[in-house]
Amino acid sequence: VKGSQFQKPYLEFSGACEGCGETPHVKLMTQLFGDRLVIANATGCSSIWGGSNPSFPYTTNTKGEGPAWANSLFEDNAEFGFGMRKAFKQRRDYLAMQVEDTLGDKAVTMSDELRQALNQFLVMRKEN
């Protein structure tokens, strides 16, 4: 992807074996998705180099945000990741419902700027 290599990688170092082809892919994913990346990892090599204490190869930005990483003990990381995605969507849907209720409640006072920002959130959410 053009320009992706100029983005900050959120993978600081690799503890994988020399010549491992997995780490360049993970590094590229961190450059493409940044702090929005969610990794549902299956148990294997990447869970060893990617999540062993005290070292953790993923880093954060200046706000302390970075990729989310979780490991499934069994070989069901697709289902595990799907569940993470469903939970994320449910939480976003609930937030949108709360925003819609707040915007519709005439008893709630808010600035025009906040009202505009909340409406923009709802519009942008539907476009994504």
Foldseek 3Di string as FASTA:
>chain_A
DPPLVVADFQFQDWPADPPDPPVVVNRSVCSVQPLNAEEQAEDDRCCVRQPDPPDHRGAHDPVRGGYHYDYDDHPPSVVVVVVVVVVVVVVVVVVLVVLVVLLPDPVDDDDPVVNVVSVVVVVVVVVD
